[in-house]
PDB file of N, CA and C in Angstrom:
ATOM      1  N   MET A   1     -79.143  38.590  28.412  1.00  0.00           N
ATOM      2  CA  MET A   1     -78.420  38.645  29.703  1.00  0.00           C
ATOM      3  C   MET A   1     -79.395  37.641  30.634  1.00  0.00           C
ATOM      4  N   ILE A   2     -78.445  36.973  31.442  1.00  0.00           N
ATOM      5  CA  ILE A   2     -78.905  36.169  32.435  1.00  0.00           C
ATOM      6  C   ILE A   2     -78.672  36.262  33.771  1.00  0.00           C
ATOM      7  N   PHE A   3     -79.503  36.361  34.914  1.00  0.00           N
ATOM      8  CA  PHE A   3     -78.954  36.294  36.302  1.00  0.00           C
ATOM      9  C   PHE A   3     -77.909  34.904  36.609  1.00  0.00           C
ATOM     10  N   LYS A   4     -77.265  35.513  37.068  1.00  0.00           N
ATOM     11  CA  LYS A   4     -76.441  34.070  37.614  1.00  0.00           C
ATOM     12  C   LYS A   4     -76.272  34.044  39.470  1.00  0.00           C
ATOM     13  N   PRO A   5     -76.817  33.313  39.638  1.00  0.00           N
ATOM     14  CA  PRO A   5     -77.013  33.390  41.416  1.00  0.00           C
ATOM     15  C   PRO A   5     -75.605  33.236  42.029  1.00  0.00           C
ATOM     16  N   ARG A   6     -74.755  31.976  41.535  1.00  0.00           N
ATOM     17  CA  ARG A   6     -73.406  31.536  41.967  1.00  0.00           C
ATOM     18  C   ARG A   6     -72.203  31.545  40.953  1.00  0.00           C
ATOM     19  N   TRP A   7     -71.042  31.075  41.546  1.00  0.00           N
ATOM     20  CA  TRP A   7     -70.140  31.002  40.334  1.00  0.00           C
ATOM     21  C   TRP A   7     -70.316  30.673  39.043  1.00  0.00           C
ATOM     22  N   GLY A   8     -70.774  29.861  38.650  1.00  0.00           N
ATOM     23  CA  GLY A   8     -70.837  28.704  37.725  1.00  0.00           C
ATOM     24  C   GLY A   8     -71.762  29.581  37.096  1.00  0.00           C
ATOM     25  N   ALA A   9     -72.000  29.367  35.434  1.00  0.00           N
ATOM     26  CA  ALA A   9     -73.082  30.325  34.561  1.00  0.00           C
ATOM     27  C   ALA A   9     -74.130  29.335  34.736  1.00  0.00           C
ATOM     28  N   PHE A  10     -73.959  28.002  34.739  1.00  0.00           N
ATOM     29  CA  PHE A  10     -75.147  27.058  34.703  1.00  0.00           C
ATOM     30  C   PHE A  10     -76.255  26.757  35.961  1.00  0.00           C
ATOM     31  N   PHE A  11     -75.790  27.448  36.861  1.00  0.00           N
ATOM     32  CA  PHE A  11     -76.205  26.906  38.239  1.00  0.00           C
ATOM     33  C   PHE A  11     -77.524  27.474  38.528  1.00  0.00           C
ATOM     34  N   GLN A  12     -78.844  26.794  38.117  1.00  0.00           N
ATOM     35  CA  GLN A  12     -80.111  27.525  38.463  1.00  0.00           C
ATOM     36  C   GLN A  12     -80.325  28.543  37.421  1.00  0.00           C
ATOM     37  N   THR A  13     -79.603  28.422  36.130  1.00  0.00           N
ATOM     38  CA  THR A  13     -79.824  29.443  35.303  1.00  0.00           C
ATOM     39  C   THR A  13     -80.567  28.595  34.339  1.00  0.00           C
ATOM     40  N   PRO A  14     -81.271  29.548  33.181  1.00  0.00           N
ATOM     41  CA  PRO A  14     -81.641  28.704  31.812  1.00  0.00           C
ATOM     42  C   PRO A  14     -80.409  28.740  30.821  1.00  0.00           C
ATOM     43  N   LEU A  15     -79.243  29.088  30.907  1.00  0.00           N
ATOM     44  CA  LEU A  15     -78.104  28.607  30.288  1.00  0.00           C
ATOM     45  C   LEU A  15     -78.202  27.466  29.124  1.00  0.00           C
ATOM     46  N   GLU A  16     -78.152  26.241  30.219  1.00  0.00           N
ATOM     47  CA  GLU A  16     -77.906  24.963  29.154  1.00  0.00           C
ATOM     48  C   GLU A  16     -79.149  24.809  28.334  1.00  0.00           C
ATOM     49  N   GLU A  17     -80.811  24.998  28.548  1.00  0.00           N
ATOM     50  CA  GLU A  17     -81.000  24.996  28.092  1.00  0.00           C
ATOM     51  C   GLU A  17     -81.647  25.792  26.703  1.00  0.00           C
ATOM     52  N   LEU A  18     -80.644  27.090  26.704  1.00  0.00           N
ATOM     53  CA  LEU A  18     -80.688  28.605  25.753  1.00  0.00           C
ATOM     54  C   LEU A  18     -79.757  27.602  24.817  1.00  0.00           C
ATOM     55  N   LEU A  19     -78.315  27.091  25.170  1.00  0.00           N
ATOM     56  CA  LEU A  19     -77.387  26.480  24.083  1.00  0.00           C
ATOM     57  C   LEU A  19     -77.846  25.754  23.297  1.00  0.00           C
ATOM     58  N   ARG A  20     -78.549  24.726  24.208  1.00  0.00           N
ATOM     59  CA  ARG A  20     -79.312  23.041  23.454  1.00  0.00           C
ATOM     60  C   ARG A  20     -79.887  23.967  22.532  1.00  0.00           C
ATOM     61  N   ASN A  21     -80.858  24.603  22.708  1.00  0.00           N
ATOM     62  CA  ASN A  21     -81.939  25.342  21.310  1.00  0.00           C
ATOM     63  C   ASN A  21     -81.146  25.735  20.474  1.00  0.00           C
ATOM     64  N   GLU A  22     -80.130  26.478  20.864  1.00  0.00           N
ATOM     65  CA  GLU A  22     -79.750  27.049  19.647  1.00  0.00           C
ATOM     66  C   GLU A  22     -78.934  26.174  19.026  1.00  0.00           C
ATOM     67  N   ALA A  23     -78.476  24.773  19.285  1.00  0.00           N
ATOM     68  CA  ALA A  23     -77.991  23.547  18.960  1.00  0.00           C
ATOM     69  C   ALA A  23     -76.028  24.105  19.253  1.00  0.00           C
ATOM     70  N   ALA A  24     -75.917  24.773  20.392  1.00  0.00           N
ATOM     71  CA  ALA A  24     -74.656  25.221  20.404  1.00  0.00           C
ATOM     72  C   ALA A  24     -74.008  24.167  20.848  1.00  0.00           C
ATOM     73  N   THR A  25     -72.476  24.098  20.398  1.00  0.00           N
ATOM     74  CA  THR A  25     -71.276  22.900  21.029  1.00  0.00           C
ATOM     75  C   THR A  25     -70.159  23.351  21.660  1.00  0.00           C
ATOM     76  N   THR A  26     -70.354  24.792  21.410  1.00  0.00           N
ATOM     77  CA  THR A  26     -69.022  25.508  22.032  1.00  0.00           C
ATOM     78  C   THR A  26     -69.435  26.744  22.899  1.00  0.00           C
ATOM     79  N   ILE A  27     -68.588  26.807  24.174  1.00  0.00           N
ATOM     80  CA  ILE A  27     -69.079  28.180  24.608  1.00  0.00           C
ATOM     81  C   ILE A  27     -67.106  28.788  24.705  1.00  0.00           C
ATOM     82  N   ALA A  28     -67.898  30.116  24.425  1.00  0.00           N
ATOM     83  CA  ALA A  28     -66.207  31.219  24.453  1.00  0.00           C
ATOM     84  C   ALA A  28     -66.419  31.350  26.263  1.00  0.00           C
ATOM     85  N   VAL A  29     -65.352  31.774  27.151  1.00  0.00           N
ATOM     86  CA  VAL A  29     -65.733  31.765  28.394  1.00  0.00           C
ATOM     87  C   VAL A  29     -64.661  33.044  28.256  1.00  0.00           C
ATOM     88  N   ALA A  30     -65.102  34.408  29.257  1.00  0.00           N
ATOM     89  CA  ALA A  30     -64.219  35.505  29.494  1.00  0.00           C
ATOM     90  C   ALA A  30     -64.927  35.967  30.927  1.00  0.00           C
ATOM     91  N   GLY A  31     -64.047  36.711  31.464  1.00  0.00           N
ATOM     92  CA  GLY A  31     -64.743  37.636  32.520  1.00  0.00           C
ATOM     93  C   GLY A  31     -63.922  37.492  33.947  1.00  0.00           C
ATOM     94  N   CYS A  32     -64.318  38.267  35.200  1.00  0.00           N
ATOM     95  CA  CYS A  32     -63.255  38.325  36.386  1.00  0.00           C
ATOM     96  C   CYS A  32     -63.139  37.263  37.336  1.00  0.00           C
ATOM     97  N   ASN A  33     -62.077  37.473  37.446  1.00  0.00           N
ATOM     98  CA  ASN A  33     -61.605  36.404  38.790  1.00  0.00           C
ATOM     99  C   ASN A  33     -61.144  34.906  38.247  1.00  0.00           C
ATOM    100  N   PHE A  34     -60.588  34.606  37.527  1.00  0.00           N
ATOM    101  CA  PHE A  34     -60.463  33.069  37.143  1.00  0.00           C
ATOM    102  C   PHE A  34     -60.688  32.262  37.845  1.00  0.00           C
ATOM    103  N   PRO A  35     -60.315  32.353  38.997  1.00  0.00           N
ATOM    104  CA  PRO A  35     -60.231  30.952  40.120  1.00  0.00           C
ATOM    105  C   PRO A  35     -61.744  30.982  40.266  1.00  0.00           C
ATOM    106  N   ASN A  36     -62.601  31.642  40.846  1.00  0.00           N
ATOM    107  CA  ASN A  36     -64.073  31.994  40.657  1.00  0.00           C
ATOM    108  C   ASN A  36     -64.894  31.538  39.720  1.00  0.00           C
ATOM    109  N   CYS A  37     -65.357  32.523  38.996  1.00  0.00           N
ATOM    110  CA  CYS A  37     -66.858  32.115  37.904  1.00  0.00           C
ATOM    111  C   CYS A  37     -65.720  31.806  36.720  1.00  0.00           C
ATOM    112  N   PRO A  38     -65.025  32.294  36.174  1.00  0.00           N
ATOM    113  CA  PRO A  38     -65.070  31.503  35.045  1.00  0.00           C
ATOM    114  C   PRO A  38     -64.538  30.099  35.353  1.00  0.00           C
ATOM    115  N   ARG A  39     -63.883  29.920  36.106  1.00  0.00           N
ATOM    116  CA  ARG A  39     -62.930  28.436  36.087  1.00  0.00           C
ATOM    117  C   ARG A  39     -64.526  27.407  36.366  1.00  0.00           C
ATOM    118  N   ALA A  40     -65.444  27.938  37.741  1.00  0.00           N
ATOM    119  CA  ALA A  40     -66.469  27.233  37.612  1.00  0.00           C
ATOM    120  C   ALA A  40     -67.260  27.063  36.467  1.00  0.00           C
ATOM    121  N   THR A  41     -67.412  27.981  35.492  1.00  0.00           N
ATOM    122  CA  THR A  41     -68.398  27.902  34.561  1.00  0.00           C
ATOM    123  C   THR A  41     -67.630  26.881  33.548  1.00  0.00           C
ATOM    124  N   MET A  42     -66.540  26.795  33.648  1.00  0.00           N
ATOM    125  CA  MET A  42     -65.734  25.970  32.342  1.00  0.00           C
ATOM    126  C   MET A  42     -65.926  24.636  32.915  1.00  0.00           C
ATOM    127  N   TYR A  43     -65.917  24.529  34.000  1.00  0.00           N
ATOM    128  CA  TYR A  43     -66.169  22.919  34.740  1.00  0.00           C
ATOM    129  C   TYR A  43     -67.209  22.626  34.163  1.00  0.00           C
ATOM    130  N   GLU A  44     -68.420  23.182  34.642  1.00  0.00           N
ATOM    131  CA  GLU A  44     -69.683  23.116  34.118  1.00  0.00           C
ATOM    132  C   GLU A  44     -69.933  22.758  32.687  1.00  0.00           C
ATOM    133  N   ALA A  45     -69.399  23.524  31.688  1.00  0.00           N
ATOM    134  CA  ALA A  45     -69.966  23.422  30.646  1.00  0.00           C
ATOM    135  C   ALA A  45     -68.956  22.036  30.338  1.00  0.00           C
ATOM    136  N   SER A  46     -67.889  21.821  31.124  1.00  0.00           N
ATOM    137  CA  SER A  46     -66.784  20.636  30.475  1.00  0.00           C
ATOM    138  C   SER A  46     -68.496  18.898  30.958  1.00  0.00           C
ATOM    139  N   GLU A  47     -68.475  19.395  31.989  1.00  0.00           N
ATOM    140  CA  GLU A  47     -69.528  18.240  32.569  1.00  0.00           C
ATOM    141  C   GLU A  47     -70.617  18.093  31.806  1.00  0.00           C
ATOM    142  N   ARG A  48     -71.040  19.065  30.831  1.00  0.00           N
ATOM    143  CA  ARG A  48     -72.037  19.235  29.779  1.00  0.00           C
ATOM    144  C   ARG A  48     -71.901  18.697  28.328  1.00  0.00           C
ATOM    145  N   ASP A  49     -70.109  18.377  28.432  1.00  0.00           N
ATOM    146  CA  ASP A  49     -70.142  18.091  27.080  1.00  0.00           C
ATOM    147  C   ASP A  49     -70.077  18.881  26.316  1.00  0.00           C
ATOM    148  N   LEU A  50     -69.707  20.136  26.565  1.00  0.00           N
ATOM    149  CA  LEU A  50     -69.545  21.499  25.322  1.00  0.00           C
ATOM    150  C   LEU A  50     -68.066  21.420  25.068  1.00  0.00           C
ATOM    151  N   ARG A  51     -67.789  21.900  24.162  1.00  0.00           N
ATOM    152  CA  ARG A  51     -66.232  22.467  23.920  1.00  0.00           C
ATOM    153  C   ARG A  51     -66.602  23.782  24.496  1.00  0.00           C
ATOM    154  N   VAL A  52     -64.993  24.194  24.741  1.00  0.00           N
ATOM    155  CA  VAL A  52     -64.638  25.483  25.871  1.00  0.00           C
ATOM    156  C   VAL A  52     -63.551  25.976  25.514  1.00  0.00           C
ATOM    157  N   VAL A  53     -63.682  27.264  24.922  1.00  0.00           N
ATOM    158  CA  VAL A  53     -62.277  27.885  24.494  1.00  0.00           C
ATOM    159  C   VAL A  53     -62.543  29.339  25.678  1.00  0.00           C
ATOM    160  N   LEU A  54     -61.444  29.097  26.730  1.00  0.00           N
ATOM    161  CA  LEU A  54     -61.024  30.713  27.505  1.00  0.00           C
ATOM    162  C   LEU A  54     -60.425  31.440  26.639  1.00  0.00           C
ATOM    163  N   ALA A  55     -61.062  33.039  26.685  1.00  0.00           N
ATOM    164  CA  ALA A  55     -60.114  34.194  26.205  1.00  0.00           C
ATOM    165  C   ALA A  55     -59.089  34.436  27.631  1.00  0.00           C
ATOM    166  N   HIS A  56     -57.911  34.113  27.159  1.00  0.00           N
ATOM    167  CA  HIS A  56     -57.125  34.265  28.377  1.00  0.00           C
ATOM    168  C   HIS A  56     -56.805  35.892  28.639  1.00  0.00           C
ATOM    169  N   ASP A  57     -56.701  36.539  28.194  1.00  0.00           N
ATOM    170  CA  ASP A  57     -56.680  38.072  27.713  1.00  0.00           C
ATOM    171  C   ASP A  57     -57.626  38.562  28.023  1.00  0.00           C
ATOM    172  N   ALA A  58     -59.145  38.050  28.208  1.00  0.00           N
ATOM    173  CA  ALA A  58     -60.029  39.053  28.798  1.00  0.00           C
ATOM    174  C   ALA A  58     -61.021  38.431  29.703  1.00  0.00           C
ATOM    175  N   THR A  59     -59.558  37.679  30.433  1.00  0.00           N
ATOM    176  CA  THR A  59     -60.152  37.422  31.984  1.00  0.00           C
ATOM    177  C   THR A  59     -59.114  37.255  33.232  1.00  0.00           C
ATOM    178  N   SER A  60     -59.662  38.050  34.213  1.00  0.00           N
ATOM    179  CA  SER A  60     -58.630  38.465  35.327  1.00  0.00           C
ATOM    180  C   SER A  60     -58.404  37.330  36.175  1.00  0.00           C
ATOM    181  N   GLY A  61     -57.237  37.543  36.493  1.00  0.00           N
ATOM    182  CA  GLY A  61     -56.541  36.237  38.137  1.00  0.00           C
ATOM    183  C   GLY A  61     -56.016  34.730  36.859  1.00  0.00           C
ATOM    184  N   VAL A  62     -55.583  35.138  35.762  1.00  0.00           N
ATOM    185  CA  VAL A  62     -55.726  34.156  35.149  1.00  0.00           C
ATOM    186  C   VAL A  62     -54.176  34.019  35.798  1.00  0.00           C
ATOM    187  N   TYR A  63     -53.553  32.555  35.785  1.00  0.00           N
ATOM    188  CA  TYR A  63     -52.398  32.168  36.222  1.00  0.00           C
ATOM    189  C   TYR A  63     -52.133  30.819  35.806  1.00  0.00           C
ATOM    190  N   ASP A  64     -50.794  30.445  35.727  1.00  0.00           N
ATOM    191  CA  ASP A  64     -50.203  29.142  34.904  1.00  0.00           C
ATOM    192  C   ASP A  64     -50.799  28.051  35.157  1.00  0.00           C
ATOM    193  N   ARG A  65     -50.660  27.881  36.582  1.00  0.00           N
ATOM    194  CA  ARG A  65     -51.332  26.621  37.161  1.00  0.00           C
ATOM    195  C   ARG A  65     -52.633  26.144  36.839  1.00  0.00           C
ATOM    196  N   GLY A  66     -53.650  27.615  37.152  1.00  0.00           N
ATOM    197  CA  GLY A  66     -55.302  27.473  36.596  1.00  0.00           C
ATOM    198  C   GLY A  66     -55.044  26.748  35.055  1.00  0.00           C
ATOM    199  N   LEU A  67     -54.373  27.539  34.445  1.00  0.00           N
ATOM    200  CA  LEU A  67     -54.406  27.347  32.741  1.00  0.00           C
ATOM    201  C   LEU A  67     -54.112  25.629  32.420  1.00  0.00           C
ATOM    202  N   ALA A  68     -52.798  25.107  33.254  1.00  0.00           N
ATOM    203  CA  ALA A  68     -52.576  23.714  33.380  1.00  0.00           C
ATOM    204  C   ALA A  68     -54.082  23.167  33.428  1.00  0.00           C
ATOM    205  N   GLU A  69     -54.684  23.138  34.736  1.00  0.00           N
ATOM    206  CA  GLU A  69     -55.720  22.104  34.986  1.00  0.00           C
ATOM    207  C   GLU A  69     -57.104  22.566  34.178  1.00  0.00           C
ATOM    208  N   VAL A  70     -57.068  23.611  33.837  1.00  0.00           N
ATOM    209  CA  VAL A  70     -58.283  23.539  32.317  1.00  0.00           C
ATOM    210  C   VAL A  70     -57.828  23.204  31.488  1.00  0.00           C
ATOM    211  N   ARG A  71     -56.536  23.167  30.778  1.00  0.00           N
ATOM    212  CA  ARG A  71     -56.361  22.630  29.798  1.00  0.00           C
ATOM    213  C   ARG A  71     -55.891  21.030  29.580  1.00  0.00           C
ATOM    214  N   ALA A  72     -56.043  20.805  31.384  1.00  0.00           N
ATOM    215  CA  ALA A  72     -56.332  19.134  31.638  1.00  0.00           C
ATOM    216  C   ALA A  72     -57.699  18.226  31.306  1.00  0.00           C
ATOM    217  N   ILE A  73     -58.593  19.249  31.201  1.00  0.00           N
ATOM    218  CA  ILE A  73     -59.950  18.720  31.307  1.00  0.00           C
ATOM    219  C   ILE A  73     -60.516  19.153  29.657  1.00  0.00           C
ATOM    220  N   GLY A  74     -59.599  19.862  29.050  1.00  0.00           N
ATOM    221  CA  GLY A  74     -60.152  20.119  27.637  1.00  0.00           C
ATOM    222  C   GLY A  74     -60.305  21.016  27.326  1.00  0.00           C
ATOM    223  N   VAL A  75     -59.999  22.194  27.923  1.00  0.00           N
ATOM    224  CA  VAL A  75     -60.276  23.560  27.433  1.00  0.00           C
ATOM    225  C   VAL A  75     -59.065  24.096  26.886  1.00  0.00           C
ATOM    226  N   ASP A  76     -60.084  24.927  25.413  1.00  0.00           N
ATOM    227  CA  ASP A  76     -58.767  25.629  24.487  1.00  0.00           C
ATOM    228  C   ASP A  76     -58.676  26.712  25.198  1.00  0.00           C
ATOM    229  N   VAL A  77     -57.330  27.153  25.330  1.00  0.00           N
ATOM    230  CA  VAL A  77     -56.995  28.880  25.588  1.00  0.00           C
ATOM    231  C   VAL A  77     -56.231  29.673  24.112  1.00  0.00           C
ATOM    232  N   ALA A  78     -57.218  30.536  24.001  1.00  0.00           N
ATOM    233  CA  ALA A  78     -56.834  31.477  23.128  1.00  0.00           C
ATOM    234  C   ALA A  78     -56.831  32.760  23.388  1.00  0.00           C
ATOM    235  N   SER A  79     -56.179  33.865  22.390  1.00  0.00           N
ATOM    236  CA  SER A  79     -56.539  35.589  22.574  1.00  0.00           C
ATOM    237  C   SER A  79     -57.510  35.752  21.710  1.00  0.00           C
ATOM    238  N   THR A  80     -58.300  36.726  22.586  1.00  0.00           N
ATOM    239  CA  THR A  80     -59.367  37.242  22.030  1.00  0.00           C
ATOM    240  C   THR A  80     -59.265  37.441  20.391  1.00  0.00           C
ATOM    241  N   ALA A  81     -58.346  37.874  19.892  1.00  0.00           N
ATOM    242  CA  ALA A  81     -57.634  37.911  18.401  1.00  0.00           C
ATOM    243  C   ALA A  81     -57.777  36.431  17.875  1.00  0.00           C
ATOM    244  N   GLU A  82     -57.375  35.848  18.695  1.00  0.00           N
ATOM    245  CA  GLU A  82     -57.328  34.355  17.944  1.00  0.00           C
ATOM    246  C   GLU A  82     -58.978  33.942  17.808  1.00  0.00           C
ATOM    247  N   MET A  83     -59.718  34.142  18.635  1.00  0.00           N
ATOM    248  CA  MET A  83     -60.883  33.797  18.556  1.00  0.00           C
ATOM    249  C   MET A  83     -61.681  34.510  17.370  1.00  0.00           C
ATOM    250  N   VAL A  84     -61.433  35.695  17.806  1.00  0.00           N
ATOM    251  CA  VAL A  84     -62.227  36.635  16.691  1.00  0.00           C
ATOM    252  C   VAL A  84     -61.886  35.999  15.133  1.00  0.00           C
ATOM    253  N   ALA A  85     -60.450  36.048  15.357  1.00  0.00           N
ATOM    254  CA  ALA A  85     -60.377  35.218  13.429  1.00  0.00           C
ATOM    255  C   ALA A  85     -60.644  33.863  13.385  1.00  0.00           C
ATOM    256  N   GLY A  86     -61.150  33.390  14.366  1.00  0.00           N
ATOM    257  CA  GLY A  86     -61.737  31.859  14.244  1.00  0.00           C
ATOM    258  C   GLY A  86     -63.092  32.098  13.798  1.00  0.00           C
ATOM    259  N   LEU A  87     -63.938  32.627  14.250  1.00  0.00           N
ATOM    260  CA  LEU A  87     -65.403  33.198  14.236  1.00  0.00           C
ATOM    261  C   LEU A  87     -65.414  33.848  12.706  1.00  0.00           C
ATOM    262  N   SER A  88     -64.579  34.087  12.285  1.00  0.00           N
ATOM    263  CA  SER A  88     -64.550  35.482  10.690  1.00  0.00           C
ATOM    264  C   SER A  88     -63.704  33.946   9.960  1.00  0.00           C
ATOM    265  N   GLY A  89     -63.591  33.096  10.097  1.00  0.00           N
ATOM    266  CA  GLY A  89     -62.736  32.022   9.434  1.00  0.00           C
ATOM    267  C   GLY A  89     -61.406  31.973   8.949  1.00  0.00           C
ATOM    268  N   ARG A  90     -60.901  32.992   9.637  1.00  0.00           N
ATOM    269  CA  ARG A  90     -59.126  33.246   9.704  1.00  0.00           C
ATOM    270  C   ARG A  90     -58.648  32.496  11.006  1.00  0.00           C
ATOM    271  N   GLY A  91     -58.889  31.369  11.428  1.00  0.00           N
ATOM    272  CA  GLY A  91     -58.688  30.785  12.526  1.00  0.00           C
ATOM    273  C   GLY A  91     -57.217  30.534  12.762  1.00  0.00           C
ATOM    274  N   PRO A  92     -56.583  30.593  13.530  1.00  0.00           N
ATOM    275  CA  PRO A  92     -55.086  30.293  14.039  1.00  0.00           C
ATOM    276  C   PRO A  92     -54.598  28.819  13.177  1.00  0.00           C
ATOM    277  N   PRO A  93     -53.004  29.239  12.814  1.00  0.00           N
ATOM    278  CA  PRO A  93     -52.318  27.878  12.373  1.00  0.00           C
ATOM    279  C   PRO A  93     -52.810  26.513  12.564  1.00  0.00           C
ATOM    280  N   GLY A  94     -53.359  25.494  11.814  1.00  0.00           N
ATOM    281  CA  GLY A  94     -53.334  24.242  12.502  1.00  0.00           C
ATOM    282  C   GLY A  94     -55.162  24.104  13.182  1.00  0.00           C
ATOM    283  N   GLY A  95     -55.941  24.946  13.039  1.00  0.00           N
ATOM    284  CA  GLY A  95     -57.027  24.884  13.502  1.00  0.00           C
ATOM    285  C   GLY A  95     -57.596  25.032  15.161  1.00  0.00           C
ATOM    286  N   GLY A  96     -56.762  24.867  15.894  1.00  0.00           N
ATOM    287  CA  GLY A  96     -56.780  24.987  17.103  1.00  0.00           C
ATOM    288  C   GLY A  96     -56.384  26.448  17.825  1.00  0.00           C
ATOM    289  N   ALA A  97     -57.014  26.530  19.102  1.00  0.00           N
ATOM    290  CA  ALA A  97     -56.839  27.164  19.672  1.00  0.00           C
ATOM    291  C   ALA A  97     -55.534  27.131  20.794  1.00  0.00           C
ATOM    292  N   THR A  98     -54.321  27.685  20.352  1.00  0.00           N
ATOM    293  CA  THR A  98     -53.337  27.470  20.864  1.00  0.00           C
ATOM    294  C   THR A  98     -52.101  28.098  21.805  1.00  0.00           C
ATOM    295  N   ALA A  99     -52.992  29.368  21.931  1.00  0.00           N
ATOM    296  CA  ALA A  99     -52.155  30.755  22.547  1.00  0.00           C
ATOM    297  C   ALA A  99     -51.986  30.362  23.965  1.00  0.00           C
ATOM    298  N   SER A 100     -50.602  30.921  24.326  1.00  0.00           N
ATOM    299  CA  SER A 100     -51.167  30.413  25.793  1.00  0.00           C
ATOM    300  C   SER A 100     -49.826  31.768  26.637  1.00  0.00           C
ATOM    301  N   PRO A 101     -50.608  32.157  27.603  1.00  0.00           N
ATOM    302  CA  PRO A 101     -49.853  33.042  28.772  1.00  0.00           C
ATOM    303  C   PRO A 101     -48.956  32.650  29.190  1.00  0.00           C
TER     304      PRO A 101
END
C-alpha cells in the first residue's frame, strides 16, 4: 500500500520504481470516480509505456465518451471476470480485452 497525494497513482509515489523492480509491463486499474483518479493514473501509466487494462465494472463513474478517450490512447477495457480469466490463462477469445459497457 502506498500513499497517493494527488489524482494519479504515479505522482510523487514510488509506484513506477516498484513496477520497474518487478519488471511489470501491465497495470490493471480500478477505483472510484473514473474522471479523476483512475483516468489520471491511466494517462500517467501510458506516458511510461505500460500496458493498461481498465476494469470497467470495478470503477465508478465510467461513461462512454471517457471509455472512448482512454481506448484511443491504447487502454484495454475489460470486465473483472475477463481480467481474472486472463490471469488464470483462460483469457478472453482472441487474447485481448474487448468487453464494453
